[in-house]
Amino acid sequence: MQLLIEADKARGFGQIFMAGVFESLARVLPLAPDLLQMLETWPGNLADAGLIFRLNAGLHALARGDRHPGLAAIYRGAVRMTEPDPLALDLALTIALCEGEDTLRHWLSGPTQTNEVARIAGLAALLLELDARRPMETELLELGASAGLNLNLARYDIRLGGGRCGEPGSPVQIAPRWLGPTPPAARLRLGATRGVDLNPLDVREAADSERLQAYIWPGEPARSARLQAAITLAHRHPPQVARGRAGSWLGAALAEPQADGVRRVVFHSMVLQYLPPAERETLAETLAAAGAAATPARPLVRVGLEWNDDRSRVDVTATQWHGGSGSGQPVIVAHCHPYAEWFEWRGLPD
């Protein structure tokens, strides 16, 4: 059962509380047969669709409300490395599943919506390495941008091992555990930043902000506080996120004139698993076609932070097109934690 698989993964990442939640759901979900059938008859891979995380986000949303005090008490007391009381959790989840069935069906039917800003540490590190080799302004295009919080990365205080970039003293502090060489010290040369999402969120709307918070696992107050800081900053600096499909939007964006001395960077994090194969192929073809016209003065770079093929590891990959040798060849520049708690940095090859 996928719930038990996710429980094992959660334990492997030190998420003891969430492992207990998934194990409890495996025990009590048969008491909510309509929800169980929805999972069992889902057309596609449950893991790729993030369906278990949609269900958990819906439960977290119920716990953050005021209609399920038993579940709210357990979730408020969540500690990442502590096992929840199984009997109390079974009872609270059973009540929430049965009484909140319509709400949970809505969460299962909607797309997974996360905006984990810590992941941009990998992007920032790569931009610093690229700039150390050829300084130029970066135009950032993000696919699957959600609420666009990653597009404000130049306004975040980002610490990469012994280095630092972004805006010192920013309320958004990003400091993953860094293994490997420290990227070159420099400032982020960001120009235009924009993104696309099939269902973009607007954090100026309370419901959209709450949706993002529900996707933070209970027992992770630091992640929740960082998200709230990024949301607050986005109220003052609203990101530019279009509604649309990644492939068609990117094709139009890459067809726009690119000035000499501007590096175009296409970024996506934990997005590809949700795209149908045809759209993933469209993205690859669109990038390859644009890359064929790239030059040293007008380079194109693709940066991805995604699961590898068997979902055993998260890789940060970079593909550069610049008209020279090696153009269009992806390289792994890092491995990282799914929520960017740590990075094993390799960097670009010499």
Protein backbone atom coordinates (compact mmCIF):
# COMPACT_ATOMS: atom_id res chain seq x y z
CA MET A 1 0.00 0.00 0.00
CA GLN A 2 1.38 3.40 -0.98
CA LEU A 3 0.75 4.81 2.51
CA LEU A 4 3.16 2.32 4.06
CA ILE A 5 5.74 3.02 1.36
CA GLU A 6 5.50 6.74 2.18
CA ALA A 7 5.77 5.91 5.89
CA ASP A 8 9.07 4.09 5.27
CA LYS A 9 10.36 7.04 3.23
CA ALA A 10 9.35 9.47 5.96
CA ARG A 11 11.24 7.46 8.58
CA GLY A 12 14.25 7.41 6.30
CA PHE A 13 14.20 11.23 6.22
CA GLY A 14 13.81 11.48 10.00
CA GLN A 15 10.10 12.38 9.78
CA ILE A 16 8.97 10.11 12.62
CA PHE A 17 5.72 11.95 13.29
CA MET A 18 4.66 11.87 9.65
CA ALA A 19 5.59 8.18 9.38
CA GLY A 20 3.14 7.58 12.23
CA VAL A 21 0.45 9.58 10.43
CA PHE A 22 0.85 7.56 7.23
CA GLU A 23 0.80 4.27 9.17
CA SER A 24 -2.35 5.37 11.00
CA LEU A 25 -4.00 6.33 7.71
CA ALA A 26 -3.23 2.86 6.37
CA ARG A 27 -5.12 1.41 9.34
CA VAL A 28 -8.19 3.67 9.34
CA LEU A 29 -8.70 4.67 5.70
CA PRO A 30 -10.97 1.61 5.06
CA LEU A 31 -13.45 3.32 7.40
CA ALA A 32 -13.80 6.04 4.72
CA PRO A 33 -14.55 3.78 1.72
CA ASP A 34 -15.20 6.56 -0.80
CA LEU A 35 -11.78 8.11 -0.14
CA LEU A 36 -10.15 4.69 -0.21
CA GLN A 37 -11.76 3.92 -3.57
CA MET A 38 -10.57 7.26 -4.91
CA LEU A 39 -6.99 6.28 -4.07
CA GLU A 40 -7.30 2.69 -5.28
CA THR A 41 -8.84 3.65 -8.63
CA TRP A 42 -6.62 6.65 -9.32
CA PRO A 43 -5.59 6.59 -13.01
CA GLY A 44 -1.83 6.71 -12.71
CA ASN A 45 1.02 6.45 -10.26
CA LEU A 46 0.03 7.67 -6.78
CA ALA A 47 3.57 8.75 -5.93
CA ASP A 48 4.05 10.72 -9.15
CA ALA A 49 0.72 12.47 -8.59
CA GLY A 50 1.61 13.24 -4.96
CA LEU A 51 -1.81 11.90 -3.95
CA ILE A 52 -0.79 10.89 -0.43
CA PHE A 53 0.59 14.37 0.16
CA ARG A 54 -2.62 15.92 -1.13
CA LEU A 55 -4.55 13.82 1.41
CA ASN A 56 -2.18 14.79 4.20
CA ALA A 57 -2.39 18.46 3.24
CA GLY A 58 -6.17 18.24 3.42
CA LEU A 59 -5.95 16.69 6.87
CA HIS A 60 -3.47 19.37 7.96
CA ALA A 61 -5.91 22.02 6.70
CA LEU A 62 -8.65 20.44 8.80
CA ALA A 63 -6.33 20.41 11.82
CA ARG A 64 -5.48 24.07 11.29
CA GLY A 65 -9.18 24.92 11.36
CA ASP A 66 -11.49 24.80 14.36
CA ARG A 67 -13.84 21.91 13.55
CA HIS A 68 -11.61 18.97 14.53
CA PRO A 69 -10.14 19.70 17.97
CA GLY A 70 -8.77 16.19 18.50
CA LEU A 71 -6.77 16.23 15.29
CA ALA A 72 -5.77 19.86 15.87
CA ALA A 73 -4.34 19.02 19.30
CA ILE A 74 -2.26 16.16 17.92
CA TYR A 75 -0.95 18.20 14.98
CA ARG A 76 -0.19 21.22 17.18
CA GLY A 77 1.89 18.99 19.43
CA ALA A 78 3.72 17.39 16.51
CA VAL A 79 7.45 17.03 16.90
CA ARG A 80 9.31 15.75 13.90
CA MET A 81 11.32 13.10 15.77
CA THR A 82 8.51 11.95 18.10
CA GLU A 83 6.12 9.07 17.46
CA PRO A 84 2.47 10.14 17.82
CA ASP A 85 0.16 8.17 20.14
CA PRO A 86 -1.28 5.61 17.69
CA LEU A 87 -4.62 5.13 19.46
CA ALA A 88 -5.32 8.85 19.79
CA LEU A 89 -4.19 9.45 16.21
CA ASP A 90 -6.33 6.59 14.84
CA LEU A 91 -9.41 8.04 16.56
CA ALA A 92 -8.74 11.63 15.46
CA LEU A 93 -8.03 10.63 11.86
CA THR A 94 -11.12 8.42 11.70
CA ILE A 95 -13.34 11.31 12.78
CA ALA A 96 -11.64 13.71 10.35
CA LEU A 97 -11.86 11.27 7.44
CA CYS A 98 -15.55 10.63 7.98
CA GLU A 99 -16.72 14.14 8.89
CA GLY A 100 -14.42 15.94 6.47
CA GLU A 101 -14.82 13.59 3.53
CA ASP A 102 -16.09 16.22 1.08
CA THR A 103 -13.22 18.56 1.95
CA LEU A 104 -10.65 15.79 1.58
CA ARG A 105 -12.08 14.70 -1.78
CA HIS A 106 -11.58 18.29 -2.92
CA TRP A 107 -7.94 18.23 -1.81
CA LEU A 108 -7.36 14.91 -3.58
CA SER A 109 -8.92 16.25 -6.79
CA GLY A 110 -6.84 19.43 -6.87
CA PRO A 111 -3.18 19.73 -7.84
CA THR A 112 -0.32 19.42 -5.40
CA GLN A 113 0.72 22.99 -4.49
CA THR A 114 3.98 23.55 -2.66
CA ASN A 115 6.43 26.43 -2.84
CA GLU A 116 9.49 25.35 -0.85
CA VAL A 117 11.79 28.35 -1.14
CA ALA A 118 14.74 26.54 0.46
CA ARG A 119 15.24 24.68 -2.82
CA ILE A 120 16.48 27.85 -4.51
CA ALA A 121 19.79 27.41 -2.63
CA GLY A 122 20.80 25.02 -5.40
CA LEU A 123 19.81 27.51 -8.10
CA ALA A 124 21.62 30.35 -6.33
CA ALA A 125 24.80 28.29 -6.02
CA LEU A 126 24.75 27.43 -9.71
CA LEU A 127 24.16 31.06 -10.71
CA LEU A 128 27.22 32.05 -8.68
CA GLU A 129 29.34 29.41 -10.41
CA LEU A 130 28.12 30.50 -13.84
CA ASP A 131 28.81 34.14 -13.03
CA ALA A 132 32.31 33.33 -11.81
CA ARG A 133 33.07 31.96 -15.27
CA ARG A 134 31.28 34.67 -17.26
CA PRO A 135 29.63 37.54 -15.37
CA MET A 136 26.30 38.58 -16.86
CA GLU A 137 22.75 39.39 -15.87
CA THR A 138 20.34 36.48 -15.46
CA GLU A 139 16.79 36.39 -16.79
CA LEU A 140 14.95 33.72 -14.75
CA LEU A 141 12.03 31.70 -16.14
CA GLU A 142 10.42 29.27 -13.68
CA LEU A 143 8.19 26.37 -14.67
CA GLY A 144 5.58 25.18 -12.18
CA ALA A 145 6.14 28.34 -10.15
CA SER A 146 3.10 27.89 -7.86
CA ALA A 147 2.85 31.23 -6.02
CA GLY A 148 6.16 32.45 -7.49
CA LEU A 149 7.97 32.72 -4.16
CA ASN A 150 11.18 31.34 -5.70
CA LEU A 151 11.25 34.32 -8.07
CA ASN A 152 12.08 36.59 -5.13
CA LEU A 153 15.34 34.75 -4.41
CA ALA A 154 17.48 37.90 -4.72
CA ARG A 155 15.55 39.28 -1.71
CA TYR A 156 16.38 36.27 0.49
CA ASP A 157 19.40 35.79 2.76
CA ILE A 158 20.99 32.61 1.35
CA ARG A 159 23.93 30.89 3.05
CA LEU A 160 25.83 28.28 1.09
CA GLY A 161 28.45 26.67 3.27
CA GLY A 162 30.91 29.43 4.08
CA GLY A 163 29.45 31.77 1.48
CA ARG A 164 26.46 34.04 1.34
CA CYS A 165 24.38 35.76 -1.31
CA GLY A 166 21.10 37.56 -1.71
CA GLU A 167 20.03 40.20 0.80
CA PRO A 168 21.73 39.95 4.21
CA GLY A 169 19.29 40.36 7.05
CA SER A 170 16.28 39.39 4.94
CA PRO A 171 13.40 37.92 6.96
CA VAL A 172 13.64 34.88 4.65
CA GLN A 173 16.67 32.94 5.87
CA ILE A 174 17.86 29.97 3.81
CA ALA A 175 20.81 28.03 5.23
CA PRO A 176 20.88 24.34 4.24
CA ARG A 177 23.53 22.01 5.57
CA TRP A 178 26.20 22.29 2.88
CA LEU A 179 28.53 19.44 1.95
CA GLY A 180 31.20 20.01 -0.66
CA PRO A 181 32.88 23.13 -2.03
CA THR A 182 31.47 26.57 -1.28
CA PRO A 183 30.31 28.44 -4.40
CA PRO A 184 32.24 31.61 -5.33
CA ALA A 185 31.38 34.68 -3.30
CA ALA A 186 29.47 37.19 -5.43
CA ARG A 187 26.14 38.92 -5.73
CA LEU A 188 23.21 37.50 -7.65
CA ARG A 189 22.89 39.40 -10.94
CA LEU A 190 19.17 38.93 -11.45
CA GLY A 191 17.20 40.92 -13.97
CA ALA A 192 13.67 39.94 -15.03
CA THR A 193 12.08 37.02 -13.16
CA ARG A 194 8.78 35.42 -14.16
CA GLY A 195 7.11 32.06 -14.10
CA VAL A 196 4.16 29.95 -15.15
CA ASP A 197 1.86 27.55 -13.37
CA LEU A 198 -1.22 25.64 -14.44
CA ASN A 199 -2.99 26.85 -11.29
CA PRO A 200 -0.95 29.73 -9.85
CA LEU A 201 -1.60 30.82 -6.28
CA ASP A 202 -1.81 34.43 -5.13
CA VAL A 203 -0.52 34.70 -1.56
CA ARG A 204 -2.32 38.01 -1.17
CA GLU A 205 -5.41 35.80 -0.92
CA ALA A 206 -5.73 34.22 2.54
CA ALA A 207 -7.03 30.92 1.14
CA ASP A 208 -4.01 30.53 -1.15
CA SER A 209 -1.56 31.28 1.67
CA GLU A 210 -3.34 28.78 3.89
CA ARG A 211 -3.15 26.18 1.11
CA LEU A 212 0.64 26.50 0.99
CA GLN A 213 0.89 26.28 4.78
CA ALA A 214 -1.21 23.09 4.79
CA TYR A 215 1.39 21.43 2.57
CA ILE A 216 4.08 21.99 5.22
CA TRP A 217 4.26 18.85 7.33
CA PRO A 218 3.22 19.29 10.97
CA GLY A 219 6.15 19.40 13.36
CA GLU A 220 8.21 21.63 11.03
CA PRO A 221 7.89 25.12 12.59
CA ALA A 222 11.06 26.42 10.91
CA ARG A 223 9.75 25.58 7.41
CA SER A 224 6.37 27.07 8.25
CA ALA A 225 7.94 30.28 9.57
CA ARG A 226 10.20 30.59 6.50
CA LEU A 227 7.21 30.12 4.22
CA GLN A 228 5.26 32.77 6.10
CA ALA A 229 8.20 35.18 5.82
CA ALA A 230 8.35 34.58 2.06
CA ILE A 231 4.60 35.11 1.78
CA THR A 232 4.83 38.38 3.71
CA LEU A 233 7.67 39.58 1.49
CA ALA A 234 5.66 38.64 -1.62
CA HIS A 235 2.90 40.99 -0.48
CA ARG A 236 5.39 43.84 -0.97
CA HIS A 237 7.04 42.36 -4.07
CA PRO A 238 4.38 40.33 -5.94
CA PRO A 239 5.98 37.74 -8.26
CA GLN A 240 4.96 37.62 -11.91
CA VAL A 241 3.34 34.22 -12.54
CA ALA A 242 1.23 33.51 -15.62
CA ARG A 243 -1.50 30.90 -15.81
CA GLY A 244 -0.84 28.32 -18.49
CA ARG A 245 0.92 25.16 -19.59
CA ALA A 246 4.66 25.05 -19.15
CA GLY A 247 5.43 23.99 -22.73
CA SER A 248 3.49 26.63 -24.61
CA TRP A 249 4.45 29.40 -22.17
CA LEU A 250 8.14 28.54 -22.39
CA GLY A 251 8.05 28.41 -26.17
CA ALA A 252 6.66 31.94 -26.28
CA ALA A 253 9.11 33.22 -23.66
CA LEU A 254 12.16 31.78 -25.44
CA ALA A 255 10.97 33.22 -28.75
CA GLU A 256 11.26 36.75 -27.34
CA PRO A 257 14.47 38.65 -28.19
CA GLN A 258 17.38 38.02 -25.85
CA ALA A 259 19.87 40.82 -25.38
CA ASP A 260 23.63 40.27 -25.54
CA GLY A 261 25.06 39.92 -22.05
CA VAL A 262 21.90 38.29 -20.64
CA ARG A 263 21.85 34.66 -19.54
CA ARG A 264 18.47 32.97 -19.76
CA VAL A 265 17.92 30.39 -17.03
CA VAL A 266 14.93 28.03 -17.03
CA PHE A 267 14.34 26.60 -13.56
CA HIS A 268 12.00 23.91 -12.25
CA SER A 269 11.88 22.10 -8.90
CA MET A 270 9.79 19.00 -8.17
CA VAL A 271 7.65 19.69 -11.23
CA LEU A 272 8.43 17.09 -13.90
CA GLN A 273 6.70 14.24 -12.07
CA TYR A 274 3.37 16.05 -12.43
CA LEU A 275 3.70 16.72 -16.17
CA PRO A 276 2.39 14.24 -18.74
CA PRO A 277 5.11 12.61 -20.88
CA ALA A 278 4.06 14.58 -23.97
CA GLU A 279 4.58 17.89 -22.18
CA ARG A 280 7.95 16.82 -20.81
CA GLU A 281 8.97 15.97 -24.37
CA THR A 282 7.68 19.33 -25.60
CA LEU A 283 9.81 21.11 -23.00
CA ALA A 284 12.92 19.18 -24.03
CA GLU A 285 12.33 19.94 -27.73
CA THR A 286 11.62 23.61 -27.04
CA LEU A 287 14.79 24.00 -25.01
CA ALA A 288 16.91 22.16 -27.56
CA ALA A 289 15.58 24.34 -30.38
CA ALA A 290 16.26 27.56 -28.44
CA GLY A 291 19.62 26.20 -27.33
CA ALA A 292 20.69 25.67 -30.93
CA ALA A 293 20.57 29.45 -31.38
CA ALA A 294 22.43 30.22 -28.14
CA THR A 295 25.81 31.96 -28.20
CA PRO A 296 28.41 32.81 -25.55
CA ALA A 297 26.88 36.29 -25.36
CA ARG A 298 23.31 34.94 -25.18
CA PRO A 299 23.50 31.58 -23.36
CA LEU A 300 20.62 29.39 -22.23
CA VAL A 301 20.71 27.22 -19.10
CA ARG A 302 18.24 24.69 -17.76
CA VAL A 303 18.38 23.99 -14.00
CA GLY A 304 16.28 21.23 -12.50
CA LEU A 305 15.86 19.96 -8.96
CA GLU A 306 13.96 16.71 -9.42
CA TRP A 307 13.73 13.08 -8.38
CA ASN A 308 15.89 10.73 -10.40
CA ASP A 309 14.20 8.06 -12.51
CA ASP A 310 13.62 5.52 -9.71
CA ARG A 311 12.79 8.21 -7.09
CA SER A 312 15.70 7.12 -4.92
CA ARG A 313 17.50 10.49 -4.95
CA VAL A 314 16.93 14.16 -5.72
CA ASP A 315 19.42 15.60 -8.22
CA VAL A 316 20.22 19.16 -9.15
CA THR A 317 21.06 19.13 -12.85
CA ALA A 318 22.32 21.82 -15.19
CA THR A 319 22.23 21.89 -18.99
CA GLN A 320 24.03 24.72 -20.79
CA TRP A 321 23.71 25.91 -24.36
CA HIS A 322 26.26 28.50 -25.44
CA GLY A 323 27.30 27.51 -28.93
CA GLY A 324 30.47 25.80 -27.78
CA SER A 325 31.58 22.23 -27.10
CA GLY A 326 29.49 20.39 -24.54
CA SER A 327 26.38 22.44 -25.28
CA GLY A 328 23.15 20.65 -24.43
CA GLN A 329 24.72 18.00 -22.20
CA PRO A 330 23.08 17.73 -18.73
CA VAL A 331 25.34 17.32 -15.71
CA ILE A 332 24.51 16.56 -12.10
CA VAL A 333 25.83 19.41 -9.96
CA ALA A 334 24.41 18.24 -6.61
CA HIS A 335 22.30 15.78 -4.71
CA CYS A 336 19.94 17.21 -2.11
CA HIS A 337 17.23 16.55 0.44
CA PRO A 338 13.70 16.73 -1.08
CA TYR A 339 12.95 19.82 1.01
CA ALA A 340 16.50 21.16 0.64
CA GLU A 341 17.62 20.61 4.22
CA TRP A 342 21.04 19.66 2.86
CA PHE A 343 23.00 19.75 -0.39
CA GLU A 344 25.91 17.56 -1.50
CA TRP A 345 27.46 20.03 -3.89
CA ARG A 346 29.67 18.96 -6.78
CA GLY A 347 29.47 22.05 -8.95
CA LEU A 348 30.04 22.45 -12.65
CA PRO A 349 32.82 20.39 -14.23
CA ASP A 350 35.99 22.21 -15.26
